[in-house]
Amino acid sequence: AKAEPYLLRAERIDEALYGSDSIGLVIPLSSVCGLYDHWGKADQFEPCNRHLLAVLEKQYGANSPVLAPVLTKESQALRSLGRADDAEAVEKRLTSIRAATMRPN
């Protein structure tokens, strides 16, 4: 709990320096999102994770396999918030990305 204000401050500083959609935000955003996920605070985790997803999409593209773990967590958060339809849409997107990019050897 003591880490939260420091992580939020780091996120705000990096956002002010690099912009709200810069790849420079990945580390502080991931840390903040991970904290909320660990605490089971889906109401705080979901918007944080959505922001992280937007940053990663800008850097790697909307169909990159790099997004898979973030999309998986997004789906779980949406389900815990009772937003099953939104979670299903995320899962369909995840399935599509996996089908297009993760071919068997």
Protein backbone atom coordinates (compact mmCIF):
# COMPACT_ATOMS: atom_id res chain seq x y z
CA ALA A 1 0.00 0.00 0.00
CA LYS A 2 2.92 2.33 0.65
CA ALA A 3 4.13 1.89 -2.93
CA GLU A 4 0.94 3.11 -4.60
CA PRO A 5 1.54 6.88 -4.26
CA TYR A 6 5.10 6.49 -5.51
CA LEU A 7 4.03 4.43 -8.51
CA LEU A 8 1.26 6.90 -9.35
CA ARG A 9 3.74 9.75 -9.07
CA ALA A 10 6.18 7.98 -11.38
CA GLU A 11 3.37 7.45 -13.87
CA ARG A 12 2.37 11.14 -13.75
CA ILE A 13 5.98 12.28 -14.15
CA ASP A 14 6.60 10.03 -17.16
CA GLU A 15 3.28 11.03 -18.68
CA ALA A 16 4.22 14.72 -18.32
CA LEU A 17 7.65 14.07 -19.86
CA TYR A 18 6.72 11.73 -22.69
CA GLY A 19 2.99 12.08 -23.29
CA SER A 20 -0.01 9.96 -22.36
CA ASP A 21 0.54 7.41 -25.13
CA SER A 22 4.32 7.07 -25.04
CA ILE A 23 6.09 3.73 -24.77
CA GLY A 24 7.95 5.36 -21.87
CA LEU A 25 4.84 4.78 -19.76
CA VAL A 26 4.92 1.00 -20.03
CA ILE A 27 6.97 0.38 -16.90
CA PRO A 28 5.11 2.71 -14.52
CA LEU A 29 1.72 1.75 -15.97
CA SER A 30 2.52 -1.95 -15.72
CA SER A 31 3.57 -1.46 -12.11
CA VAL A 32 0.40 0.43 -11.17
CA CYS A 33 -1.84 -2.03 -13.03
CA GLY A 34 -0.04 -4.97 -11.44
CA LEU A 35 -0.60 -3.49 -8.01
CA TYR A 36 -4.34 -3.08 -8.61
CA ASP A 37 -4.55 -6.57 -10.09
CA HIS A 38 -2.73 -8.05 -7.09
CA TRP A 39 -5.11 -6.25 -4.74
CA GLY A 40 -8.14 -7.48 -6.72
CA LYS A 41 -9.31 -3.93 -7.42
CA ALA A 42 -10.84 -4.53 -10.83
CA ASP A 43 -12.51 -1.11 -10.83
CA GLN A 44 -9.06 0.54 -10.74
CA PHE A 45 -7.23 -2.13 -12.69
CA GLU A 46 -9.46 -2.06 -15.75
CA PRO A 47 -8.95 1.62 -16.72
CA CYS A 48 -5.24 1.33 -15.95
CA ASN A 49 -4.96 -1.79 -18.10
CA ARG A 50 -6.95 -0.11 -20.90
CA HIS A 51 -4.42 2.77 -20.86
CA LEU A 52 -1.53 0.28 -20.97
CA LEU A 53 -3.22 -1.49 -23.88
CA ALA A 54 -3.50 1.80 -25.81
CA VAL A 55 0.21 2.51 -25.29
CA LEU A 56 1.19 -0.97 -26.45
CA GLU A 57 -1.14 -0.80 -29.47
CA LYS A 58 0.47 2.45 -30.58
CA GLN A 59 3.94 0.95 -30.30
CA TYR A 60 3.35 -2.56 -31.65
CA GLY A 61 0.11 -2.38 -33.62
CA ALA A 62 -3.45 -3.45 -32.91
CA ASN A 63 -2.85 -7.10 -33.83
CA SER A 64 0.49 -7.74 -32.15
CA PRO A 65 0.95 -10.87 -30.02
CA VAL A 66 2.59 -8.56 -27.44
CA LEU A 67 -0.97 -7.55 -26.53
CA ALA A 68 -2.07 -11.09 -25.56
CA PRO A 69 -1.25 -10.93 -21.82
CA VAL A 70 -2.77 -7.47 -21.47
CA LEU A 71 -5.93 -8.51 -23.33
CA THR A 72 -6.22 -11.63 -21.18
CA LYS A 73 -6.09 -9.52 -18.01
CA GLU A 74 -8.54 -7.02 -19.53
CA SER A 75 -11.03 -9.79 -20.18
CA GLN A 76 -10.71 -11.09 -16.61
CA ALA A 77 -11.19 -7.61 -15.17
CA LEU A 78 -14.26 -6.96 -17.31
CA ARG A 79 -15.80 -10.25 -16.22
CA SER A 80 -15.20 -9.46 -12.56
CA LEU A 81 -16.91 -6.10 -13.12
CA GLY A 82 -19.95 -7.88 -14.57
CA ARG A 83 -19.27 -6.69 -18.12
CA ALA A 84 -19.50 -10.08 -19.82
CA ASP A 85 -20.31 -8.70 -23.28
CA ASP A 86 -17.24 -6.46 -23.24
CA ALA A 87 -15.12 -9.36 -21.97
CA GLU A 88 -16.39 -11.55 -24.80
CA ALA A 89 -15.41 -8.92 -27.37
CA VAL A 90 -11.90 -8.76 -25.90
CA GLU A 91 -11.65 -12.56 -25.94
CA LYS A 92 -12.69 -12.67 -29.61
CA ARG A 93 -10.01 -10.13 -30.41
CA LEU A 94 -7.47 -12.17 -28.48
CA THR A 95 -8.46 -15.33 -30.34
CA SER A 96 -8.10 -13.51 -33.64
CA ILE A 97 -4.64 -12.22 -32.76
CA ARG A 98 -3.51 -15.67 -31.64
CA ALA A 99 -4.87 -17.32 -34.78
CA ALA A 100 -3.13 -14.83 -37.04
CA THR A 101 0.24 -14.64 -35.28
CA MET A 102 0.88 -17.83 -33.34
CA ARG A 103 1.25 -20.57 -35.89
CA PRO A 104 2.32 -24.06 -34.79
CA ASN A 105 5.77 -25.32 -35.80
